[in-house]
């Protein structure tokens, strides 16, 4: 059975645990596939923060908010870092 964890970005749903490097690769791919999708940036931000890359994580969360300023989840995730 695969272990799972929950983060603010996942809306409380369980997601399979994966390596940080794999998660970063997948999140960056999502950003590359659709750079206008705020969700991709908030996931990337969560992954980077989990890896203690706080500056890069902050930038990703800021981009999510810039793309979708009405999204309360993106604002909350950004607020946790400030």
N, C-alpha and C. Protein backbone atom coordinates (compact mmCIF):
# COMPACT_ATOMS: atom_id res chain seq x y z
N UNK A 1 0.83 -1.17 0.00
CA UNK A 1 0.00 0.00 0.00
C UNK A 1 0.88 1.24 0.00
N UNK A 2 0.48 2.27 -0.73
CA UNK A 2 1.25 3.51 -0.83
C UNK A 2 0.89 4.45 0.30
N UNK A 3 1.90 5.04 0.91
CA UNK A 3 1.65 6.04 1.94
C UNK A 3 1.08 7.29 1.30
N UNK A 4 0.32 8.05 2.04
CA UNK A 4 -0.27 9.28 1.51
C UNK A 4 -0.06 10.40 2.51
N UNK A 5 -0.11 11.63 2.00
CA UNK A 5 -0.03 12.79 2.86
C UNK A 5 -1.02 13.82 2.37
N UNK A 6 -1.26 14.82 3.18
CA UNK A 6 -2.19 15.88 2.84
C UNK A 6 -1.48 17.21 2.98
N UNK A 7 -1.75 18.12 2.05
CA UNK A 7 -1.19 19.46 2.13
C UNK A 7 -2.29 20.46 1.86
N UNK A 8 -2.09 21.74 2.22
CA UNK A 8 -3.11 22.74 1.94
C UNK A 8 -3.48 22.78 0.46
N UNK A 9 -2.52 22.59 -0.43
CA UNK A 9 -2.79 22.66 -1.86
C UNK A 9 -3.66 21.52 -2.35
N UNK A 10 -3.75 20.44 -1.60
CA UNK A 10 -4.51 19.28 -2.08
C UNK A 10 -5.96 19.31 -1.60
N UNK A 11 -6.42 20.39 -1.00
CA UNK A 11 -7.79 20.51 -0.51
C UNK A 11 -8.16 19.39 0.44
N UNK A 12 -7.20 18.87 1.16
CA UNK A 12 -7.48 17.83 2.12
C UNK A 12 -7.57 16.43 1.53
N UNK A 13 -7.36 16.29 0.23
CA UNK A 13 -7.40 14.96 -0.35
C UNK A 13 -6.06 14.28 -0.16
N UNK A 14 -6.07 12.97 -0.16
CA UNK A 14 -4.82 12.23 -0.03
C UNK A 14 -4.18 12.09 -1.40
N UNK A 15 -2.90 12.30 -1.44
CA UNK A 15 -2.15 12.13 -2.68
C UNK A 15 -1.02 11.16 -2.39
N UNK A 16 -0.67 10.33 -3.36
CA UNK A 16 0.42 9.38 -3.12
C UNK A 16 1.72 10.11 -2.81
N UNK A 17 2.49 9.58 -1.89
CA UNK A 17 3.79 10.13 -1.59
C UNK A 17 4.76 9.73 -2.70
N UNK A 18 5.55 10.67 -3.14
CA UNK A 18 6.52 10.41 -4.20
C UNK A 18 7.81 11.12 -3.81
N UNK A 19 8.87 10.85 -4.52
CA UNK A 19 10.12 11.53 -4.20
C UNK A 19 9.99 13.01 -4.54
N UNK A 20 10.72 13.82 -3.80
CA UNK A 20 10.68 15.26 -4.06
C UNK A 20 11.15 15.58 -5.46
N UNK A 21 12.19 14.91 -5.93
CA UNK A 21 12.69 15.23 -7.26
C UNK A 21 11.66 14.87 -8.33
N UNK A 22 10.98 13.76 -8.15
CA UNK A 22 9.94 13.38 -9.11
C UNK A 22 8.77 14.36 -9.04
N UNK A 23 8.39 14.74 -7.85
CA UNK A 23 7.29 15.70 -7.68
C UNK A 23 7.65 17.04 -8.32
N UNK A 24 8.88 17.48 -8.14
CA UNK A 24 9.32 18.74 -8.74
C UNK A 24 9.28 18.64 -10.26
N UNK A 25 9.76 17.54 -10.80
CA UNK A 25 9.75 17.34 -12.24
C UNK A 25 8.33 17.38 -12.79
N UNK A 26 7.42 16.69 -12.13
CA UNK A 26 6.03 16.66 -12.59
C UNK A 26 5.36 18.02 -12.47
N UNK A 27 5.62 18.73 -11.38
CA UNK A 27 5.02 20.05 -11.20
C UNK A 27 5.56 21.04 -12.23
N UNK A 28 6.85 20.99 -12.49
CA UNK A 28 7.43 21.87 -13.52
C UNK A 28 6.88 21.53 -14.91
N UNK A 29 6.64 20.25 -15.15
CA UNK A 29 6.05 19.84 -16.43
C UNK A 29 4.65 20.40 -16.57
N UNK A 30 3.88 20.36 -15.49
CA UNK A 30 2.53 20.93 -15.53
C UNK A 30 2.57 22.42 -15.85
N UNK A 31 3.53 23.14 -15.24
CA UNK A 31 3.69 24.57 -15.52
C UNK A 31 4.06 24.77 -16.99
N UNK A 32 4.97 23.94 -17.50
CA UNK A 32 5.38 24.06 -18.90
C UNK A 32 4.22 23.78 -19.86
N UNK A 33 3.39 22.80 -19.51
CA UNK A 33 2.26 22.44 -20.38
C UNK A 33 1.19 23.53 -20.42
N UNK A 34 0.97 24.20 -19.29
CA UNK A 34 -0.03 25.27 -19.25
C UNK A 34 0.40 26.35 -18.27
N UNK A 35 1.23 27.30 -18.75
CA UNK A 35 1.74 28.33 -17.87
C UNK A 35 0.67 29.32 -17.36
N UNK A 36 -0.55 29.18 -17.83
CA UNK A 36 -1.62 30.05 -17.34
C UNK A 36 -2.46 29.38 -16.25
N UNK A 37 -2.09 28.15 -15.87
CA UNK A 37 -2.86 27.39 -14.88
C UNK A 37 -2.27 27.61 -13.49
N UNK A 38 -2.95 28.39 -12.69
CA UNK A 38 -2.49 28.70 -11.34
C UNK A 38 -2.28 27.48 -10.47
N UNK A 39 -3.10 26.47 -10.66
CA UNK A 39 -2.99 25.24 -9.85
C UNK A 39 -1.60 24.60 -10.01
N UNK A 40 -1.06 24.64 -11.22
CA UNK A 40 0.27 24.07 -11.44
C UNK A 40 1.31 24.81 -10.61
N UNK A 41 1.18 26.13 -10.52
CA UNK A 41 2.14 26.92 -9.74
C UNK A 41 1.98 26.69 -8.25
N UNK A 42 0.76 26.52 -7.77
CA UNK A 42 0.59 26.30 -6.34
C UNK A 42 1.12 24.93 -5.94
N UNK A 43 0.94 23.93 -6.80
CA UNK A 43 1.51 22.61 -6.53
C UNK A 43 3.04 22.69 -6.55
N UNK A 44 3.59 23.37 -7.55
CA UNK A 44 5.04 23.55 -7.62
C UNK A 44 5.53 24.25 -6.35
N UNK A 45 4.82 25.27 -5.92
CA UNK A 45 5.20 25.98 -4.71
C UNK A 45 5.22 25.07 -3.50
N UNK A 46 4.22 24.22 -3.36
CA UNK A 46 4.17 23.28 -2.23
C UNK A 46 5.35 22.32 -2.26
N UNK A 47 5.66 21.81 -3.45
CA UNK A 47 6.77 20.87 -3.58
C UNK A 47 8.09 21.55 -3.22
N UNK A 48 8.29 22.76 -3.72
CA UNK A 48 9.53 23.47 -3.45
C UNK A 48 9.67 23.82 -1.96
N UNK A 49 8.58 24.23 -1.34
CA UNK A 49 8.62 24.54 0.10
C UNK A 49 8.95 23.27 0.89
N UNK A 50 8.38 22.15 0.49
CA UNK A 50 8.67 20.88 1.17
C UNK A 50 10.14 20.52 1.08
N UNK A 51 10.80 21.02 0.03
CA UNK A 51 12.23 20.77 -0.15
C UNK A 51 13.07 21.89 0.46
N UNK A 52 12.41 22.78 1.17
CA UNK A 52 13.05 23.92 1.82
C UNK A 52 13.67 24.89 0.82
N UNK A 53 13.12 24.93 -0.38
CA UNK A 53 13.49 25.93 -1.38
C UNK A 53 12.47 27.07 -1.26
N UNK A 54 12.58 27.80 -0.15
CA UNK A 54 11.55 28.76 0.21
C UNK A 54 11.41 29.91 -0.78
N UNK A 55 12.50 30.44 -1.28
CA UNK A 55 12.43 31.56 -2.22
C UNK A 55 11.73 31.13 -3.51
N UNK A 56 12.11 29.98 -4.04
CA UNK A 56 11.47 29.48 -5.26
C UNK A 56 10.01 29.11 -5.02
N UNK A 57 9.74 28.54 -3.86
CA UNK A 57 8.36 28.22 -3.50
C UNK A 57 7.51 29.46 -3.39
N UNK A 58 8.07 30.50 -2.79
CA UNK A 58 7.37 31.78 -2.66
C UNK A 58 7.04 32.34 -4.05
N UNK A 59 8.01 32.31 -4.94
CA UNK A 59 7.78 32.82 -6.30
C UNK A 59 6.68 32.04 -7.02
N UNK A 60 6.66 30.74 -6.85
CA UNK A 60 5.62 29.92 -7.49
C UNK A 60 4.25 30.27 -6.92
N UNK A 61 4.15 30.42 -5.60
CA UNK A 61 2.87 30.79 -4.99
C UNK A 61 2.45 32.19 -5.42
N UNK A 62 3.38 33.10 -5.54
CA UNK A 62 3.05 34.45 -6.01
C UNK A 62 2.50 34.40 -7.44
N UNK A 63 3.08 33.56 -8.27
CA UNK A 63 2.59 33.44 -9.65
C UNK A 63 1.18 32.86 -9.68
N UNK A 64 0.90 31.90 -8.82
CA UNK A 64 -0.45 31.33 -8.75
C UNK A 64 -1.46 32.42 -8.41
N UNK A 65 -1.13 33.27 -7.44
CA UNK A 65 -2.03 34.36 -7.05
C UNK A 65 -2.14 35.39 -8.17
N UNK A 66 -1.05 35.66 -8.86
CA UNK A 66 -1.10 36.61 -9.97
C UNK A 66 -2.05 36.11 -11.06
N UNK A 67 -1.99 34.81 -11.33
CA UNK A 67 -2.83 34.23 -12.37
C UNK A 67 -4.30 34.12 -11.97
N UNK A 68 -4.56 33.91 -10.71
CA UNK A 68 -5.94 33.73 -10.24
C UNK A 68 -6.12 34.44 -8.90
N UNK A 69 -6.14 35.77 -8.92
CA UNK A 69 -6.19 36.52 -7.66
C UNK A 69 -7.45 36.26 -6.83
N UNK A 70 -8.49 35.73 -7.45
CA UNK A 70 -9.73 35.45 -6.72
C UNK A 70 -9.68 34.11 -5.99
N UNK A 71 -8.65 33.32 -6.21
CA UNK A 71 -8.57 31.99 -5.62
C UNK A 71 -8.07 32.06 -4.18
N UNK A 72 -8.96 31.76 -3.27
CA UNK A 72 -8.64 31.87 -1.84
C UNK A 72 -7.55 30.87 -1.42
N UNK A 73 -7.56 29.67 -2.01
CA UNK A 73 -6.55 28.67 -1.66
C UNK A 73 -5.16 29.16 -2.02
N UNK A 74 -5.01 29.73 -3.21
CA UNK A 74 -3.70 30.23 -3.63
C UNK A 74 -3.23 31.35 -2.70
N UNK A 75 -4.17 32.22 -2.31
CA UNK A 75 -3.81 33.30 -1.38
C UNK A 75 -3.42 32.76 -0.01
N UNK A 76 -4.14 31.74 0.44
CA UNK A 76 -3.83 31.14 1.75
C UNK A 76 -2.44 30.51 1.73
N UNK A 77 -2.14 29.77 0.66
CA UNK A 77 -0.82 29.14 0.56
C UNK A 77 0.28 30.18 0.56
N UNK A 78 0.08 31.26 -0.15
CA UNK A 78 1.05 32.35 -0.17
C UNK A 78 1.17 32.97 1.22
N UNK A 79 0.05 33.17 1.87
CA UNK A 79 0.06 33.77 3.22
C UNK A 79 0.85 32.96 4.22
N UNK A 80 0.83 31.65 4.10
CA UNK A 80 1.59 30.81 5.02
C UNK A 80 3.08 31.07 4.93
N UNK A 81 3.52 31.51 3.76
CA UNK A 81 4.97 31.73 3.57
C UNK A 81 5.40 33.13 3.97
N UNK A 82 4.47 34.04 4.03
CA UNK A 82 4.84 35.44 4.34
C UNK A 82 4.94 35.71 5.82
